[in-house]
C-alpha cells in the first residue's frame, strides 16, 4: 500500500515538473513572438514614399 502511494506521489511530481517546464517554454515562445521579426515596425516601402511624393507634389508654372 505504501509503495503504491509513493509511486503515485512520484508520478505527480514528475508531471508537475514537466508541466512547469512546458509552461516556461511556451512563455519563452510568446515573448519571442512579441519581439519577433514579423512584429517589428515596418519600414515604409519605396512605393508608399513615391505615392506620397506624387500626391503632395505641387504644380509649378515652370512645369508647362
Protein backbone atom coordinates (compact mmCIF):
# COMPACT_ATOMS: atom_id res chain seq x y z
CA UNK A 1 0.00 0.00 0.00
CA UNK A 2 2.77 2.43 0.98
CA UNK A 3 4.70 1.54 -2.17
CA UNK A 4 1.68 2.43 -4.34
CA UNK A 5 1.27 5.80 -2.58
CA UNK A 6 4.96 6.59 -3.10
CA UNK A 7 4.70 5.67 -6.79
CA UNK A 8 1.64 7.93 -7.25
CA UNK A 9 3.41 10.82 -5.50
CA UNK A 10 6.48 10.28 -7.65
CA UNK A 11 4.32 10.35 -10.80
CA UNK A 12 2.60 13.55 -9.66
CA UNK A 13 5.94 15.29 -9.01
CA UNK A 14 7.27 14.25 -12.43
CA UNK A 15 4.08 15.54 -14.11
CA UNK A 16 4.29 18.83 -12.23
CA UNK A 17 7.90 19.38 -13.24
CA UNK A 18 7.10 18.54 -16.85
CA UNK A 19 4.12 20.93 -16.78
CA UNK A 20 6.25 23.76 -15.36
CA UNK A 21 8.94 23.11 -17.96
CA UNK A 22 6.41 23.23 -20.83
CA UNK A 23 4.83 26.38 -19.40
CA UNK A 24 8.24 28.07 -19.37
CA UNK A 25 8.89 27.04 -22.98
CA UNK A 26 5.52 28.40 -24.09
CA UNK A 27 6.16 31.69 -22.28
CA UNK A 28 9.54 32.00 -23.98
CA UNK A 29 7.92 31.39 -27.36
CA UNK A 30 5.27 34.04 -26.68
CA UNK A 31 7.95 36.53 -25.64
CA UNK A 32 9.91 35.79 -28.81
CA UNK A 33 6.78 36.31 -30.91
CA UNK A 34 6.08 39.64 -29.25
CA UNK A 35 9.51 40.99 -30.19
CA UNK A 36 9.81 38.75 -33.24
CA UNK A 37 10.76 39.54 -36.80
CA UNK A 38 7.17 39.73 -38.03
CA UNK A 39 6.10 42.24 -35.37
CA UNK A 40 8.85 44.78 -35.89
CA UNK A 41 7.71 48.16 -37.21
CA UNK A 42 7.75 48.05 -40.99
CA UNK A 43 9.89 50.46 -42.94
CA UNK A 44 7.90 52.42 -45.49
CA UNK A 45 8.38 50.87 -48.90
CA UNK A 46 9.56 52.72 -51.98
CA UNK A 47 6.01 52.58 -53.37
CA UNK A 48 4.46 54.41 -50.42
CA UNK A 49 7.22 57.04 -50.50
CA UNK A 50 6.64 57.61 -54.23
CA UNK A 51 2.89 57.69 -53.73
CA UNK A 52 3.15 60.32 -51.02
CA UNK A 53 5.62 62.35 -53.04
CA UNK A 54 3.35 62.24 -56.10
CA UNK A 55 0.14 63.13 -54.28
CA UNK A 56 1.64 66.01 -52.31
CA UNK A 57 3.59 67.40 -55.27
CA UNK A 58 2.76 70.99 -56.19
CA UNK A 59 2.40 72.05 -59.82
CA UNK A 60 4.64 74.97 -60.75
CA UNK A 61 4.39 77.28 -63.77
CA UNK A 62 7.83 76.02 -64.81
CA UNK A 63 6.32 72.55 -65.42
CA UNK A 64 4.45 73.81 -68.51
